PDB file of N, CA and C in Angstrom:
ATOM      1  N   MET A   1       6.246   0.509   1.794  1.00  0.00           N
ATOM      2  CA  MET A   1       5.756   1.272   0.686  1.00  0.00           C
ATOM      3  C   MET A   1       5.204   2.582   1.232  1.00  0.00           C
ATOM      4  N   GLN A   2       5.510   3.679   0.541  1.00  0.00           N
ATOM      5  CA  GLN A   2       5.032   4.981   0.988  1.00  0.00           C
ATOM      6  C   GLN A   2       3.604   5.210   0.513  1.00  0.00           C
ATOM      7  N   ALA A   3       2.768   5.657   1.422  1.00  0.00           N
ATOM      8  CA  ALA A   3       1.379   5.964   1.087  1.00  0.00           C
ATOM      9  C   ALA A   3       1.303   7.346   0.436  1.00  0.00           C
ATOM     10  N   ALA A   4       0.251   7.560  -0.318  1.00  0.00           N
ATOM     11  CA  ALA A   4       0.035   8.837  -0.993  1.00  0.00           C
ATOM     12  C   ALA A   4      -0.440   9.915  -0.016  1.00  0.00           C
ATOM     13  N   GLY A   5      -0.586   9.556   1.237  1.00  0.00           N
ATOM     14  CA  GLY A   5      -1.030  10.488   2.270  1.00  0.00           C
ATOM     15  C   GLY A   5      -0.898   9.829   3.626  1.00  0.00           C
ATOM     16  N   SER A   6      -1.716  10.242   4.548  1.00  0.00           N
ATOM     17  CA  SER A   6      -1.661   9.764   5.920  1.00  0.00           C
ATOM     18  C   SER A   6      -2.465   8.478   6.111  1.00  0.00           C
ATOM     19  N   LEU A   7      -1.903   7.540   6.873  1.00  0.00           N
ATOM     20  CA  LEU A   7      -2.614   6.321   7.253  1.00  0.00           C
ATOM     21  C   LEU A   7      -2.575   6.181   8.772  1.00  0.00           C
ATOM     22  N   ALA A   8      -3.647   5.669   9.348  1.00  0.00           N
ATOM     23  CA  ALA A   8      -3.729   5.455  10.797  1.00  0.00           C
ATOM     24  C   ALA A   8      -3.405   4.007  11.127  1.00  0.00           C
ATOM     25  N   ALA A   9      -3.093   3.725  12.367  1.00  0.00           N
ATOM     26  CA  ALA A   9      -2.796   2.367  12.818  1.00  0.00           C
ATOM     27  C   ALA A   9      -3.964   1.426  12.560  1.00  0.00           C
ATOM     28  N   THR A  10      -5.168   1.958  12.500  1.00  0.00           N
ATOM     29  CA  THR A  10      -6.354   1.134  12.245  1.00  0.00           C
ATOM     30  C   THR A  10      -6.388   0.582  10.819  1.00  0.00           C
ATOM     31  N   SER A  11      -5.470   1.013   9.959  1.00  0.00           N
ATOM     32  CA  SER A  11      -5.439   0.522   8.582  1.00  0.00           C
ATOM     33  C   SER A  11      -4.754  -0.841   8.461  1.00  0.00           C
ATOM     34  N   VAL A  12      -4.099  -1.310   9.522  1.00  0.00           N
ATOM     35  CA  VAL A  12      -3.460  -2.627   9.488  1.00  0.00           C
ATOM     36  C   VAL A  12      -4.522  -3.690   9.230  1.00  0.00           C
ATOM     37  N   GLY A  13      -4.260  -4.548   8.248  1.00  0.00           N
ATOM     38  CA  GLY A  13      -5.207  -5.589   7.863  1.00  0.00           C
ATOM     39  C   GLY A  13      -6.125  -5.161   6.738  1.00  0.00           C
ATOM     40  N   ASP A  14      -6.218  -3.867   6.485  1.00  0.00           N
ATOM     41  CA  ASP A  14      -7.045  -3.374   5.384  1.00  0.00           C
ATOM     42  C   ASP A  14      -6.243  -3.442   4.089  1.00  0.00           C
ATOM     43  N   GLU A  15      -6.908  -3.218   2.987  1.00  0.00           N
ATOM     44  CA  GLU A  15      -6.279  -3.328   1.685  1.00  0.00           C
ATOM     45  C   GLU A  15      -6.437  -2.038   0.903  1.00  0.00           C
ATOM     46  N   ALA A  16      -5.489  -1.806  -0.019  1.00  0.00           N
ATOM     47  CA  ALA A  16      -5.516  -0.602  -0.850  1.00  0.00           C
ATOM     48  C   ALA A  16      -4.851  -0.913  -2.187  1.00  0.00           C
ATOM     49  N   ASP A  17      -5.206  -0.132  -3.187  1.00  0.00           N
ATOM     50  CA  ASP A  17      -4.605  -0.271  -4.508  1.00  0.00           C
ATOM     51  C   ASP A  17      -3.400   0.654  -4.634  1.00  0.00           C
ATOM     52  N   LEU A  18      -2.609   0.422  -5.659  1.00  0.00           N
ATOM     53  CA  LEU A  18      -1.488   1.298  -5.968  1.00  0.00           C
ATOM     54  C   LEU A  18      -2.011   2.597  -6.559  1.00  0.00           C
ATOM     55  N   SER A  19      -1.266   3.674  -6.382  1.00  0.00           N
ATOM     56  CA  SER A  19      -1.615   4.956  -6.988  1.00  0.00           C
ATOM     57  C   SER A  19      -0.344   5.577  -7.561  1.00  0.00           C
ATOM     58  N   ASN A  20      -0.511   6.560  -8.409  1.00  0.00           N
ATOM     59  CA  ASN A  20       0.620   7.227  -9.069  1.00  0.00           C
ATOM     60  C   ASN A  20       1.519   6.232  -9.797  1.00  0.00           C
ATOM     61  N   THR A  21       0.927   5.239 -10.426  1.00  0.00           N
ATOM     62  CA  THR A  21       1.708   4.156 -11.032  1.00  0.00           C
ATOM     63  C   THR A  21       2.476   4.573 -12.275  1.00  0.00           C
ATOM     64  N   THR A  22       2.132   5.682 -12.897  1.00  0.00           N
ATOM     65  CA  THR A  22       2.867   6.120 -14.080  1.00  0.00           C
ATOM     66  C   THR A  22       3.879   7.207 -13.759  1.00  0.00           C
ATOM     67  N   ALA A  23       3.989   7.571 -12.487  1.00  0.00           N
ATOM     68  CA  ALA A  23       4.931   8.619 -12.073  1.00  0.00           C
ATOM     69  C   ALA A  23       6.317   8.028 -11.833  1.00  0.00           C
ATOM     70  N   GLY A  24       7.327   8.817 -12.079  1.00  0.00           N
ATOM     71  CA  GLY A  24       8.687   8.375 -11.835  1.00  0.00           C
ATOM     72  C   GLY A  24       9.679   9.198 -12.613  1.00  0.00           C
ATOM     73  N   SER A  25      10.939   8.806 -12.552  1.00  0.00           N
ATOM     74  CA  SER A  25      12.004   9.537 -13.220  1.00  0.00           C
ATOM     75  C   SER A  25      12.584   8.721 -14.371  1.00  0.00           C
ATOM     76  N   THR A  26      12.585   9.297 -15.560  1.00  0.00           N
ATOM     77  CA  THR A  26      13.225   8.628 -16.692  1.00  0.00           C
ATOM     78  C   THR A  26      14.740   8.766 -16.608  1.00  0.00           C
ATOM     79  N   THR A  27      15.222   9.679 -15.786  1.00  0.00           N
ATOM     80  CA  THR A  27      16.666   9.869 -15.610  1.00  0.00           C
ATOM     81  C   THR A  27      17.245   8.800 -14.681  1.00  0.00           C
ATOM     82  N   THR A  28      16.614   8.605 -13.521  1.00  0.00           N
ATOM     83  CA  THR A  28      17.139   7.652 -12.532  1.00  0.00           C
ATOM     84  C   THR A  28      16.521   6.267 -12.659  1.00  0.00           C
ATOM     85  N   GLY A  29      15.340   6.188 -13.291  1.00  0.00           N
ATOM     86  CA  GLY A  29      14.640   4.914 -13.392  1.00  0.00           C
ATOM     87  C   GLY A  29      13.875   4.556 -12.137  1.00  0.00           C
ATOM     88  N   LEU A  30      13.815   5.474 -11.177  1.00  0.00           N
ATOM     89  CA  LEU A  30      13.105   5.203  -9.928  1.00  0.00           C
ATOM     90  C   LEU A  30      11.615   5.496 -10.073  1.00  0.00           C
ATOM     91  N   SER A  31      10.822   4.630  -9.522  1.00  0.00           N
ATOM     92  CA  SER A  31       9.375   4.784  -9.551  1.00  0.00           C
ATOM     93  C   SER A  31       8.924   5.774  -8.488  1.00  0.00           C
ATOM     94  N   ALA A  32       7.787   6.406  -8.719  1.00  0.00           N
ATOM     95  CA  ALA A  32       7.172   7.274  -7.718  1.00  0.00           C
ATOM     96  C   ALA A  32       5.792   6.727  -7.341  1.00  0.00           C
ATOM     97  N   ALA A  33       5.572   5.438  -7.618  1.00  0.00           N
ATOM     98  CA  ALA A  33       4.302   4.811  -7.270  1.00  0.00           C
ATOM     99  C   ALA A  33       4.115   4.825  -5.763  1.00  0.00           C
ATOM    100  N   THR A  34       2.873   4.970  -5.332  1.00  0.00           N
ATOM    101  CA  THR A  34       2.550   5.020  -3.913  1.00  0.00           C
ATOM    102  C   THR A  34       1.370   4.100  -3.618  1.00  0.00           C
ATOM    103  N   LEU A  35       1.047   3.968  -2.362  1.00  0.00           N
ATOM    104  CA  LEU A  35      -0.112   3.210  -1.929  1.00  0.00           C
ATOM    105  C   LEU A  35      -1.262   4.186  -1.700  1.00  0.00           C
ATOM    106  N   SER A  36      -2.396   3.916  -2.299  1.00  0.00           N
ATOM    107  CA  SER A  36      -3.553   4.793  -2.138  1.00  0.00           C
ATOM    108  C   SER A  36      -3.996   4.820  -0.680  1.00  0.00           C
ATOM    109  N   THR A  37      -4.485   5.954  -0.235  1.00  0.00           N
ATOM    110  CA  THR A  37      -5.023   6.051   1.122  1.00  0.00           C
ATOM    111  C   THR A  37      -6.534   5.800   1.141  1.00  0.00           C
ATOM    112  N   SER A  38      -7.100   5.490  -0.027  1.00  0.00           N
ATOM    113  CA  SER A  38      -8.503   5.075  -0.098  1.00  0.00           C
ATOM    114  C   SER A  38      -8.533   3.565   0.129  1.00  0.00           C
ATOM    115  N   LEU A  39      -8.861   3.167   1.348  1.00  0.00           N
ATOM    116  CA  LEU A  39      -8.808   1.759   1.722  1.00  0.00           C
ATOM    117  C   LEU A  39     -10.030   1.015   1.205  1.00  0.00           C
ATOM    118  N   ALA A  40      -9.845  -0.268   0.910  1.00  0.00           N
ATOM    119  CA  ALA A  40     -10.905  -1.086   0.312  1.00  0.00           C
ATOM    120  C   ALA A  40     -12.057  -1.340   1.270  1.00  0.00           C
ATOM    121  N   GLY A  41     -11.766  -1.502   2.555  1.00  0.00           N
ATOM    122  CA  GLY A  41     -12.824  -1.748   3.535  1.00  0.00           C
ATOM    123  C   GLY A  41     -13.188  -3.219   3.635  1.00  0.00           C
ATOM    124  N   ALA A  42     -13.979  -3.539   4.621  1.00  0.00           N
ATOM    125  CA  ALA A  42     -14.358  -4.920   4.902  1.00  0.00           C
ATOM    126  C   ALA A  42     -15.085  -5.563   3.728  1.00  0.00           C
ATOM    127  N   GLY A  43     -14.702  -6.787   3.436  1.00  0.00           N
ATOM    128  CA  GLY A  43     -15.369  -7.553   2.397  1.00  0.00           C
ATOM    129  C   GLY A  43     -14.932  -7.230   0.984  1.00  0.00           C
ATOM    130  N   ASN A  44     -14.023  -6.283   0.825  1.00  0.00           N
ATOM    131  CA  ASN A  44     -13.539  -5.912  -0.501  1.00  0.00           C
ATOM    132  C   ASN A  44     -12.078  -6.309  -0.640  1.00  0.00           C
ATOM    133  N   SER A  45     -11.615  -6.391  -1.882  1.00  0.00           N
ATOM    134  CA  SER A  45     -10.238  -6.785  -2.131  1.00  0.00           C
ATOM    135  C   SER A  45      -9.524  -5.697  -2.922  1.00  0.00           C
ATOM    136  N   ALA A  46      -8.249  -5.494  -2.624  1.00  0.00           N
ATOM    137  CA  ALA A  46      -7.420  -4.532  -3.347  1.00  0.00           C
ATOM    138  C   ALA A  46      -6.045  -5.160  -3.587  1.00  0.00           C
ATOM    139  N   GLN A  47      -5.174  -4.457  -4.276  1.00  0.00           N
ATOM    140  CA  GLN A  47      -3.898  -5.008  -4.702  1.00  0.00           C
ATOM    141  C   GLN A  47      -2.934  -5.329  -3.562  1.00  0.00           C
ATOM    142  N   MET A  48      -2.918  -4.522  -2.514  1.00  0.00           N
ATOM    143  CA  MET A  48      -1.969  -4.689  -1.411  1.00  0.00           C
ATOM    144  C   MET A  48      -2.690  -4.749  -0.074  1.00  0.00           C
ATOM    145  N   ARG A  49      -2.131  -5.518   0.866  1.00  0.00           N
ATOM    146  CA  ARG A  49      -2.667  -5.577   2.232  1.00  0.00           C
ATOM    147  C   ARG A  49      -1.640  -4.936   3.165  1.00  0.00           C
ATOM    148  N   ILE A  50      -2.101  -4.038   3.994  1.00  0.00           N
ATOM    149  CA  ILE A  50      -1.232  -3.355   4.947  1.00  0.00           C
ATOM    150  C   ILE A  50      -1.003  -4.284   6.138  1.00  0.00           C
ATOM    151  N   VAL A  51       0.285  -4.554   6.452  1.00  0.00           N
ATOM    152  CA  VAL A  51       0.590  -5.469   7.545  1.00  0.00           C
ATOM    153  C   VAL A  51       1.272  -4.792   8.728  1.00  0.00           C
ATOM    154  N   GLY A  52       1.705  -3.544   8.570  1.00  0.00           N
ATOM    155  CA  GLY A  52       2.322  -2.855   9.693  1.00  0.00           C
ATOM    156  C   GLY A  52       3.027  -1.583   9.274  1.00  0.00           C
ATOM    157  N   LEU A  53       3.594  -0.925  10.242  1.00  0.00           N
ATOM    158  CA  LEU A  53       4.343   0.307  10.023  1.00  0.00           C
ATOM    159  C   LEU A  53       5.802  -0.044   9.729  1.00  0.00           C
ATOM    160  N   ALA A  54       6.388   0.568   8.721  1.00  0.00           N
ATOM    161  CA  ALA A  54       7.806   0.343   8.412  1.00  0.00           C
ATOM    162  C   ALA A  54       8.660   1.007   9.488  1.00  0.00           C
ATOM    163  N   PRO A  55       9.677   0.303   9.997  1.00  0.00           N
ATOM    164  CA  PRO A  55      10.471   0.817  11.124  1.00  0.00           C
ATOM    165  C   PRO A  55      11.590   1.769  10.692  1.00  0.00           C
ATOM    166  N   TYR A  56      11.208   2.927  10.195  1.00  0.00           N
ATOM    167  CA  TYR A  56      12.187   3.941   9.796  1.00  0.00           C
ATOM    168  C   TYR A  56      12.181   5.076  10.811  1.00  0.00           C
ATOM    169  N   PRO A  57      13.342   5.667  11.064  1.00  0.00           N
ATOM    170  CA  PRO A  57      13.391   6.801  11.990  1.00  0.00           C
ATOM    171  C   PRO A  57      12.455   7.923  11.527  1.00  0.00           C
ATOM    172  N   GLY A  58      11.683   8.438  12.437  1.00  0.00           N
ATOM    173  CA  GLY A  58      10.793   9.550  12.122  1.00  0.00           C
ATOM    174  C   GLY A  58       9.508   9.155  11.411  1.00  0.00           C
ATOM    175  N   ASN A  59       9.290   7.858  11.187  1.00  0.00           N
ATOM    176  CA  ASN A  59       8.067   7.387  10.536  1.00  0.00           C
ATOM    177  C   ASN A  59       7.066   6.980  11.609  1.00  0.00           C
ATOM    178  N   ALA A  60       5.850   7.505  11.520  1.00  0.00           N
ATOM    179  CA  ALA A  60       4.832   7.189  12.520  1.00  0.00           C
ATOM    180  C   ALA A  60       3.458   7.176  11.862  1.00  0.00           C
ATOM    181  N   TRP A  61       2.543   6.459  12.487  1.00  0.00           N
ATOM    182  CA  TRP A  61       1.161   6.470  12.004  1.00  0.00           C
ATOM    183  C   TRP A  61       0.659   7.907  12.013  1.00  0.00           C
ATOM    184  N   GLY A  62      -0.043   8.280  10.957  1.00  0.00           N
ATOM    185  CA  GLY A  62      -0.597   9.617  10.873  1.00  0.00           C
ATOM    186  C   GLY A  62       0.324  10.633  10.230  1.00  0.00           C
ATOM    187  N   ASP A  63       1.568  10.227   9.892  1.00  0.00           N
ATOM    188  CA  ASP A  63       2.472  11.134   9.182  1.00  0.00           C
ATOM    189  C   ASP A  63       1.857  11.539   7.843  1.00  0.00           C
ATOM    190  N   ALA A  64       2.337  12.613   7.276  1.00  0.00           N
ATOM    191  CA  ALA A  64       1.802  13.111   6.003  1.00  0.00           C
ATOM    192  C   ALA A  64       1.896  12.059   4.897  1.00  0.00           C
ATOM    193  N   TYR A  65       2.978  11.294   4.867  1.00  0.00           N
ATOM    194  CA  TYR A  65       3.170  10.226   3.878  1.00  0.00           C
ATOM    195  C   TYR A  65       3.690   8.995   4.606  1.00  0.00           C
ATOM    196  N   THR A  66       2.793   8.310   5.280  1.00  0.00           N
ATOM    197  CA  THR A  66       3.138   7.160   6.104  1.00  0.00           C
ATOM    198  C   THR A  66       3.789   6.058   5.265  1.00  0.00           C
ATOM    199  N   ILE A  67       4.865   5.465   5.796  1.00  0.00           N
ATOM    200  CA  ILE A  67       5.518   4.349   5.119  1.00  0.00           C
ATOM    201  C   ILE A  67       5.112   3.071   5.847  1.00  0.00           C
ATOM    202  N   VAL A  68       4.514   2.136   5.114  1.00  0.00           N
ATOM    203  CA  VAL A  68       3.981   0.920   5.717  1.00  0.00           C
ATOM    204  C   VAL A  68       4.576  -0.330   5.076  1.00  0.00           C
ATOM    205  N   ARG A  69       4.468  -1.414   5.787  1.00  0.00           N
ATOM    206  CA  ARG A  69       4.806  -2.726   5.232  1.00  0.00           C
ATOM    207  C   ARG A  69       3.542  -3.284   4.610  1.00  0.00           C
ATOM    208  N   VAL A  70       3.686  -3.848   3.418  1.00  0.00           N
ATOM    209  CA  VAL A  70       2.533  -4.408   2.711  1.00  0.00           C
ATOM    210  C   VAL A  70       2.880  -5.793   2.181  1.00  0.00           C
ATOM    211  N   GLN A  71       1.854  -6.537   1.839  1.00  0.00           N
ATOM    212  CA  GLN A  71       2.051  -7.781   1.118  1.00  0.00           C
ATOM    213  C   GLN A  71       1.146  -7.737  -0.098  1.00  0.00           C
ATOM    214  N   ILE A  72       1.574  -8.381  -1.162  1.00  0.00           N
ATOM    215  CA  ILE A  72       0.763  -8.421  -2.370  1.00  0.00           C
ATOM    216  C   ILE A  72      -0.477  -9.240  -2.065  1.00  0.00           C
ATOM    217  N   ASN A  73      -1.632  -8.691  -2.336  1.00  0.00           N
ATOM    218  CA  ASN A  73      -2.891  -9.349  -2.023  1.00  0.00           C
ATOM    219  C   ASN A  73      -3.536  -9.957  -3.264  1.00  0.00           C
ATOM    220  N   GLU A  74      -3.562  -9.243  -4.342  1.00  0.00           N
ATOM    221  CA  GLU A  74      -4.157  -9.751  -5.578  1.00  0.00           C
ATOM    222  C   GLU A  74      -3.033 -10.183  -6.514  1.00  0.00           C
ATOM    223  N   SER A  75      -2.777 -11.466  -6.524  1.00  0.00           N
ATOM    224  CA  SER A  75      -1.736 -11.992  -7.399  1.00  0.00           C
ATOM    225  C   SER A  75      -2.267 -13.225  -8.125  1.00  0.00           C
ATOM    226  N   GLN A  76      -1.519 -13.674  -9.063  1.00  0.00           N
ATOM    227  CA  GLN A  76      -1.923 -14.839  -9.859  1.00  0.00           C
ATOM    228  C   GLN A  76      -2.030 -16.093  -8.986  1.00  0.00           C
ATOM    229  N   VAL A  77      -1.254 -16.160  -7.908  1.00  0.00           N
ATOM    230  CA  VAL A  77      -1.234 -17.366  -7.083  1.00  0.00           C
ATOM    231  C   VAL A  77      -2.067 -17.249  -5.810  1.00  0.00           C
ATOM    232  N   ASN A  78      -2.770 -16.155  -5.618  1.00  0.00           N
ATOM    233  CA  ASN A  78      -3.605 -15.961  -4.436  1.00  0.00           C
ATOM    234  C   ASN A  78      -4.920 -16.704  -4.635  1.00  0.00           C
ATOM    235  N   ALA A  79      -5.101 -17.800  -3.926  1.00  0.00           N
ATOM    236  CA  ALA A  79      -6.276 -18.643  -4.108  1.00  0.00           C
ATOM    237  C   ALA A  79      -7.578 -17.926  -3.756  1.00  0.00           C
ATOM    238  N   SER A  80      -7.529 -16.972  -2.834  1.00  0.00           N
ATOM    239  CA  SER A  80      -8.761 -16.288  -2.434  1.00  0.00           C
ATOM    240  C   SER A  80      -9.298 -15.375  -3.527  1.00  0.00           C
ATOM    241  N   VAL A  81      -8.443 -14.967  -4.455  1.00  0.00           N
ATOM    242  CA  VAL A  81      -8.862 -14.081  -5.530  1.00  0.00           C
ATOM    243  C   VAL A  81      -9.121 -14.861  -6.811  1.00  0.00           C
ATOM    244  N   ASN A  82      -8.253 -15.808  -7.103  1.00  0.00           N
ATOM    245  CA  ASN A  82      -8.334 -16.568  -8.346  1.00  0.00           C
ATOM    246  C   ASN A  82      -8.633 -18.036  -8.073  1.00  0.00           C
ATOM    247  N   ALA A  83      -9.862 -18.330  -7.724  1.00  0.00           N
ATOM    248  CA  ALA A  83     -10.232 -19.719  -7.462  1.00  0.00           C
ATOM    249  C   ALA A  83     -10.186 -20.525  -8.761  1.00  0.00           C
ATOM    250  N   ILE A  84      -9.646 -21.719  -8.647  1.00  0.00           N
ATOM    251  CA  ILE A  84      -9.522 -22.579  -9.832  1.00  0.00           C
ATOM    252  C   ILE A  84     -10.754 -23.427  -9.995  1.00  0.00           C
TER     253      ILE A  84
END
């Protein structure tokens, strides 16, 4: 997922919410949603957890729009968020 700005390697394991969720193209149907660079920080929860850097040519930590691998953190089936 592409971040809305620069992310450092230290962001691995941290969490962030989605941003620009209403942006996109009505012509192509492609979304322009991004990952916020405002990280949740220790003890807080956000929609996505950063798990690593996406292995694309020319993509590196600290790039203007870093592309990272994420996992959904706040979901209906995540026991840590929705205790029964």
